[in-house]
Amino acid sequence: MPPISAVRTPDDRFAGLSDFDWQPRYHDGLPGYEGLRMAFIDEGPEDAQQVFLCLHGQPSWSYLYRHMIPVFLETGARVVAPDLFGFGRSDKPVDDAIYTFNFHRQSLVELIEALDLTGITLVCQDWGGLLGLTIPPEMANRFERLLVMNTVLGLGGGSTEGFDAWRRFHGENPDYDIAALFKTYVPGMTDAVASAYAAPFPEARFRAGVRRFPFLVMTDPEMEGVDVSRRAAAWWSSEWRGMSFMAVGERDVLIPPWLMNRMHEILGIKRPPLLLPEAGHFVQETHGAEVAHAALQAWKQE
């Protein structure tokens, strides 16, 4: 396989980020991804019994977890929050065609194995769930708990009106203002925070992942990733024995509450979800600490 052409966001784009002082670590030798550097936050003791693996979606990056990371660290756990290729501080392939479900899913599998993560609590939202929820069935011995926010498994069963509009928007506005988008979806967001979300993407050539991801969501049965997602759905509902917690941003127009109710059933979660009437799609941004505390408290009671 020839080397993948990629760009790397200059470090100065990340200078002075609001409430995000953790230093990134990098892995540039993942099998199958030679020549590409993946960035990730890795805080807490390396030998901690519990590891919180926090997976972001599109067009966000690990910055999205800045309100949850301190809560998890307070428990003495290790927290690992990677940036998917094409996002955050990770390298960004410039060819849109590189971005596939399997490309990104396997990169997460390789990172988990490279860091030899065990005792994992999977924390996921948006694409973090589309990808991340398909991984535990194949490495179940590494996972112990699930904290899931607004996300789906890509089962090829159609779309929602809100997501159809999201796709159209990306098709018609491939180089939209990311900071402005976040301020639209999260009313009251400051300019500094919105700029932090836009920091990884200084030019159009850095944005292939942002452009491509909406069209990779598995809304049709023949799309890549549907088969592994269907197997995962069966596994979660019948074989998962770990503890689970769901939080739902009820103002999400992309993944509305009725779809999260369906996910609650698919994932076999016994505890009622934490409903957040004032939260939208980016639950971690507005209610991250609250959700983290609620999940930890719920697990103490089990």
Protein backbone atom coordinates (compact mmCIF):
# COMPACT_ATOMS: atom_id res chain seq x y z
CA MET A 1 0.00 0.00 0.00
CA PRO A 2 1.52 3.35 -1.02
CA PRO A 3 1.99 6.02 1.65
CA ILE A 4 -1.12 8.02 2.43
CA SER A 5 -0.78 11.71 1.66
CA ALA A 6 -1.78 13.69 4.73
CA VAL A 7 -1.46 17.11 6.33
CA ARG A 8 -0.73 17.91 9.96
CA THR A 9 -2.34 20.88 11.68
CA PRO A 10 0.36 23.26 13.00
CA ASP A 11 0.78 23.18 16.77
CA ASP A 12 0.23 26.91 17.08
CA ARG A 13 -3.40 26.40 16.06
CA PHE A 14 -3.90 24.72 19.45
CA ALA A 15 -2.17 27.35 21.57
CA GLY A 16 -4.20 28.70 24.48
CA LEU A 17 -7.17 26.36 24.15
CA SER A 18 -9.91 27.10 26.64
CA ASP A 19 -9.98 24.56 29.55
CA PHE A 20 -7.82 22.03 27.73
CA ASP A 21 -4.36 21.93 29.25
CA TRP A 22 -3.58 18.24 28.77
CA GLN A 23 -0.65 17.54 26.50
CA PRO A 24 -1.25 15.20 23.57
CA ARG A 25 0.59 11.98 23.03
CA TYR A 26 1.19 10.50 19.61
CA HIS A 27 1.40 7.09 17.98
CA ASP A 28 2.86 6.98 14.48
CA GLY A 29 3.39 3.27 14.11
CA LEU A 30 -0.07 1.72 14.19
CA PRO A 31 -0.07 -1.42 11.99
CA GLY A 32 -1.62 -0.58 8.64
CA TYR A 33 -1.32 3.15 9.28
CA GLU A 34 2.42 3.60 8.88
CA GLY A 35 3.33 7.21 8.21
CA LEU A 36 0.20 8.56 9.88
CA ARG A 37 0.40 10.05 13.36
CA MET A 38 -2.57 9.61 15.69
CA ALA A 39 -2.94 12.02 18.59
CA PHE A 40 -4.59 11.15 21.88
CA ILE A 41 -4.95 12.42 25.41
CA ASP A 42 -3.61 9.87 27.90
CA GLU A 43 -3.93 10.94 31.53
CA GLY A 44 -3.89 9.10 34.83
CA PRO A 45 -1.88 6.06 35.95
CA GLU A 46 -0.88 3.69 33.15
CA ASP A 47 -1.53 0.76 35.49
CA ALA A 48 -4.99 1.95 36.57
CA GLN A 49 -7.59 -0.80 36.79
CA GLN A 50 -10.17 1.36 34.99
CA VAL A 51 -9.62 3.09 31.65
CA PHE A 52 -12.11 5.55 30.21
CA LEU A 53 -11.87 5.45 26.40
CA CYS A 54 -13.58 8.60 25.12
CA LEU A 55 -14.50 8.62 21.43
CA HIS A 56 -15.62 11.78 19.65
CA GLY A 57 -17.59 12.29 16.44
CA GLN A 58 -17.81 14.74 13.54
CA PRO A 59 -16.85 17.58 13.28
CA SER A 60 -15.53 17.55 16.85
CA TRP A 61 -12.37 16.15 18.42
CA SER A 62 -11.14 15.13 21.89
CA TYR A 63 -11.64 18.72 23.06
CA LEU A 64 -15.32 17.73 23.38
CA TYR A 65 -14.46 15.67 26.47
CA ARG A 66 -12.72 18.40 28.47
CA HIS A 67 -15.59 18.60 31.02
CA MET A 68 -15.72 14.84 31.56
CA ILE A 69 -12.01 14.02 31.73
CA PRO A 70 -11.44 15.66 35.16
CA VAL A 71 -14.39 13.76 36.65
CA PHE A 72 -13.02 10.46 35.42
CA LEU A 73 -9.50 11.29 36.61
CA GLU A 74 -10.80 12.00 40.11
CA THR A 75 -11.64 8.30 40.43
CA GLY A 76 -7.98 7.33 39.97
CA ALA A 77 -8.67 5.97 36.50
CA ARG A 78 -6.74 6.39 33.29
CA VAL A 79 -8.41 8.42 30.54
CA VAL A 80 -7.59 7.96 26.86
CA ALA A 81 -9.25 10.27 24.33
CA PRO A 82 -8.00 9.83 20.76
CA ASP A 83 -8.51 12.13 17.82
CA LEU A 84 -9.71 10.16 14.82
CA PHE A 85 -7.59 10.52 11.70
CA GLY A 86 -8.80 13.66 9.96
CA PHE A 87 -9.70 15.39 13.21
CA GLY A 88 -8.09 17.19 16.12
CA ARG A 89 -4.31 16.89 16.30
CA SER A 90 -4.19 13.64 14.34
CA ASP A 91 -2.91 13.59 10.77
CA LYS A 92 -5.47 14.32 8.08
CA PRO A 93 -5.39 12.34 4.83
CA VAL A 94 -6.16 14.75 2.01
CA ASP A 95 -7.97 12.26 -0.23
CA ASP A 96 -11.66 12.06 0.66
CA ALA A 97 -11.73 8.45 -0.55
CA ILE A 98 -9.41 7.36 2.28
CA TYR A 99 -12.19 8.01 4.76
CA THR A 100 -14.18 4.81 5.19
CA PHE A 101 -15.88 3.10 8.11
CA ASN A 102 -13.33 0.28 8.15
CA PHE A 103 -10.36 2.66 7.95
CA HIS A 104 -11.43 4.44 11.12
CA ARG A 105 -12.75 1.45 13.02
CA GLN A 106 -9.53 -0.50 12.53
CA SER A 107 -7.43 2.47 13.63
CA LEU A 108 -9.21 2.40 16.99
CA VAL A 109 -8.73 -1.36 17.29
CA GLU A 110 -5.02 -0.92 16.61
CA LEU A 111 -4.71 1.87 19.18
CA ILE A 112 -6.45 -0.19 21.87
CA GLU A 113 -4.08 -3.06 21.18
CA ALA A 114 -0.99 -0.85 20.94
CA LEU A 115 -1.74 0.70 24.34
CA ASP A 116 -2.94 -2.68 25.66
CA LEU A 117 -5.99 -1.09 27.22
CA THR A 118 -8.07 -3.24 29.59
CA GLY A 119 -10.79 -2.50 32.11
CA ILE A 120 -12.24 -0.14 29.51
CA THR A 121 -15.28 2.04 30.00
CA LEU A 122 -16.36 2.97 26.48
CA VAL A 123 -17.56 6.59 26.42
CA CYS A 124 -19.07 7.49 23.08
CA GLN A 125 -21.29 9.88 21.15
CA ASP A 126 -22.01 10.47 17.44
CA TRP A 127 -19.34 8.71 15.32
CA GLY A 128 -17.68 7.62 18.54
CA GLY A 129 -20.61 5.25 18.91
CA LEU A 130 -21.01 4.33 15.25
CA LEU A 131 -17.44 3.08 15.36
CA GLY A 132 -16.86 2.30 19.01
CA LEU A 133 -19.96 0.22 19.67
CA THR A 134 -18.83 -2.30 17.06
CA ILE A 135 -15.50 -2.99 18.81
CA PRO A 136 -16.33 -4.67 22.17
CA PRO A 137 -17.92 -7.75 20.56
CA GLU A 138 -14.52 -8.61 19.07
CA MET A 139 -12.43 -7.83 22.17
CA ALA A 140 -14.95 -8.31 24.96
CA ASN A 141 -12.30 -9.17 27.55
CA ARG A 142 -11.02 -5.58 27.38
CA PHE A 143 -14.35 -3.84 28.09
CA GLU A 144 -16.25 -3.53 31.38
CA ARG A 145 -18.64 -0.57 31.16
CA LEU A 146 -20.49 1.61 28.64
CA LEU A 147 -21.41 5.29 28.84
CA VAL A 148 -23.32 6.17 25.70
CA MET A 149 -24.71 9.52 24.59
CA ASN A 150 -26.49 10.59 21.42
CA THR A 151 -25.37 8.06 18.83
CA VAL A 152 -26.57 5.09 16.78
CA LEU A 153 -25.43 1.81 15.35
CA GLY A 154 -25.43 1.95 11.56
CA LEU A 155 -27.89 -0.82 10.78
CA GLY A 156 -28.83 0.35 7.28
CA GLY A 157 -32.42 1.05 8.23
CA GLY A 158 -32.87 4.54 6.85
CA SER A 159 -32.34 8.05 8.14
CA THR A 160 -34.08 10.85 10.03
CA GLU A 161 -35.31 14.13 8.66
CA GLY A 162 -32.71 15.98 10.71
CA PHE A 163 -29.84 13.83 9.49
CA ASP A 164 -30.98 14.12 5.88
CA ALA A 165 -30.77 17.89 6.29
CA TRP A 166 -27.30 17.51 7.85
CA ARG A 167 -26.13 15.54 4.83
CA ARG A 168 -27.58 18.05 2.38
CA PHE A 169 -25.90 20.88 4.26
CA HIS A 170 -22.50 19.20 3.96
CA GLY A 171 -23.04 18.48 0.28
CA GLU A 172 -23.98 22.07 -0.46
CA ASN A 173 -21.49 23.72 1.93
CA PRO A 174 -18.37 21.51 2.06
CA ASP A 175 -16.20 24.26 3.54
CA TYR A 176 -18.66 25.73 6.02
CA ASP A 177 -17.63 27.73 9.07
CA ILE A 178 -17.14 25.11 11.80
CA ALA A 179 -17.05 27.66 14.62
CA ALA A 180 -20.34 29.13 13.45
CA LEU A 181 -21.90 25.68 13.24
CA PHE A 182 -21.01 24.89 16.84
CA LYS A 183 -22.44 28.20 18.01
CA THR A 184 -25.65 27.33 16.18
CA TYR A 185 -25.94 23.88 17.73
CA VAL A 186 -24.82 25.02 21.20
CA PRO A 187 -26.50 28.36 21.96
CA GLY A 188 -24.41 30.55 24.22
CA MET A 189 -21.08 29.01 23.22
CA THR A 190 -18.28 31.54 23.52
CA ASP A 191 -16.13 32.59 20.59
CA ALA A 192 -13.08 31.05 22.29
CA VAL A 193 -14.68 27.62 22.58
CA ALA A 194 -16.09 27.75 19.06
CA SER A 195 -12.65 28.67 17.74
CA ALA A 196 -11.15 25.70 19.58
CA TYR A 197 -13.47 23.35 17.73
CA ALA A 198 -12.43 24.94 14.43
CA ALA A 199 -8.71 24.97 15.29
CA PRO A 200 -7.79 21.65 13.60
CA PHE A 201 -9.09 22.79 10.21
CA PRO A 202 -7.27 25.90 8.95
CA GLU A 203 -7.86 25.22 5.24
CA ALA A 204 -10.03 23.10 2.95
CA ARG A 205 -7.33 20.45 2.49
CA PHE A 206 -7.47 19.74 6.23
CA ARG A 207 -11.20 19.04 6.09
CA ALA A 208 -11.60 15.82 4.11
CA GLY A 209 -12.90 13.98 7.18
CA VAL A 210 -15.39 16.72 7.99
CA ARG A 211 -16.68 16.62 4.41
CA ARG A 212 -16.82 12.85 4.12
CA PHE A 213 -18.19 11.54 7.41
CA PRO A 214 -21.87 12.47 6.91
CA PHE A 215 -21.93 10.35 3.76
CA LEU A 216 -20.42 7.32 5.51
CA VAL A 217 -23.23 6.94 8.05
CA MET A 218 -24.84 3.61 7.25
CA THR A 219 -28.38 4.54 6.26
CA ASP A 220 -28.64 1.92 3.50
CA PRO A 221 -28.23 -1.85 3.98
CA GLU A 222 -25.46 -2.26 1.41
CA MET A 223 -23.13 0.32 2.96
CA GLU A 224 -19.78 -0.58 4.50
CA GLY A 225 -20.08 -1.25 8.20
CA VAL A 226 -23.67 -2.47 8.26
CA ASP A 227 -22.80 -6.14 8.73
CA VAL A 228 -20.44 -5.57 11.66
CA SER A 229 -22.95 -3.15 13.19
CA ARG A 230 -25.75 -5.69 12.99
CA ARG A 231 -23.56 -8.29 14.63
CA ALA A 232 -22.73 -5.78 17.33
CA ALA A 233 -26.40 -5.02 17.93
CA ALA A 234 -27.09 -8.71 18.47
CA TRP A 235 -24.13 -8.98 20.83
CA TRP A 236 -25.09 -5.99 22.96
CA SER A 237 -28.64 -7.21 23.41
CA SER A 238 -27.75 -10.81 24.24
CA GLU A 239 -24.14 -11.16 25.42
CA TRP A 240 -22.98 -7.93 27.08
CA ARG A 241 -22.65 -8.41 30.83
CA GLY A 242 -21.03 -5.12 31.80
CA MET A 243 -22.61 -2.04 33.36
CA SER A 244 -24.19 0.53 31.05
CA PHE A 245 -25.44 4.09 31.34
CA MET A 246 -27.19 6.24 28.72
CA ALA A 247 -27.66 10.01 28.65
CA VAL A 248 -29.93 11.62 26.06
CA GLY A 249 -29.82 15.19 24.82
CA GLU A 250 -33.48 15.67 24.01
CA ARG A 251 -33.02 18.68 21.73
CA ASP A 252 -30.98 16.71 19.22
CA VAL A 253 -32.45 17.06 15.72
CA LEU A 254 -29.90 14.66 14.20
CA ILE A 255 -30.51 11.76 16.59
CA PRO A 256 -33.89 12.49 18.19
CA PRO A 257 -35.12 10.96 21.46
CA TRP A 258 -37.20 8.27 19.78
CA LEU A 259 -34.06 6.95 18.10
CA MET A 260 -32.20 6.95 21.39
CA ASN A 261 -35.08 4.97 22.90
CA ARG A 262 -34.48 2.39 20.20
CA MET A 263 -30.76 2.39 21.00
CA HIS A 264 -31.60 1.86 24.67
CA GLU A 265 -33.39 -1.35 23.66
CA ILE A 266 -30.71 -2.48 21.20
CA LEU A 267 -27.96 -2.04 23.78
CA GLY A 268 -29.94 -3.94 26.39
CA ILE A 269 -29.61 -1.18 28.98
CA LYS A 270 -31.71 -1.89 32.07
CA ARG A 271 -31.40 1.46 33.85
CA PRO A 272 -33.64 4.26 32.47
CA PRO A 273 -31.67 6.86 30.52
CA LEU A 274 -30.71 10.20 31.99
CA LEU A 275 -32.89 12.63 30.05
CA LEU A 276 -31.45 16.10 29.46
CA PRO A 277 -34.22 18.40 28.18
CA GLU A 278 -31.83 21.32 27.59
CA ALA A 279 -29.10 19.34 25.83
CA GLY A 280 -28.75 18.93 22.09
CA HIS A 281 -26.47 16.73 20.02
CA PHE A 282 -23.20 17.70 21.72
CA VAL A 283 -24.11 16.43 25.18
CA GLN A 284 -20.53 16.51 26.45
CA GLU A 285 -20.20 20.20 25.70
CA THR A 286 -23.17 21.36 27.77
CA HIS A 287 -23.70 18.55 30.31
CA GLY A 288 -20.44 16.59 30.31
CA ALA A 289 -19.60 16.82 34.01
CA GLU A 290 -23.21 16.15 35.01
CA VAL A 291 -23.37 13.02 32.87
CA ALA A 292 -20.00 11.76 34.10
CA HIS A 293 -20.99 12.17 37.75
CA ALA A 294 -24.39 10.56 37.15
CA ALA A 295 -22.86 7.52 35.47
CA LEU A 296 -20.31 7.01 38.23
CA GLN A 297 -23.00 7.32 40.88
CA ALA A 298 -25.24 4.84 39.07
CA TRP A 299 -22.46 2.29 38.79
CA LYS A 300 -21.72 2.58 42.51
CA GLN A 301 -25.28 1.41 43.15
CA GLU A 302 -25.03 -1.69 40.96
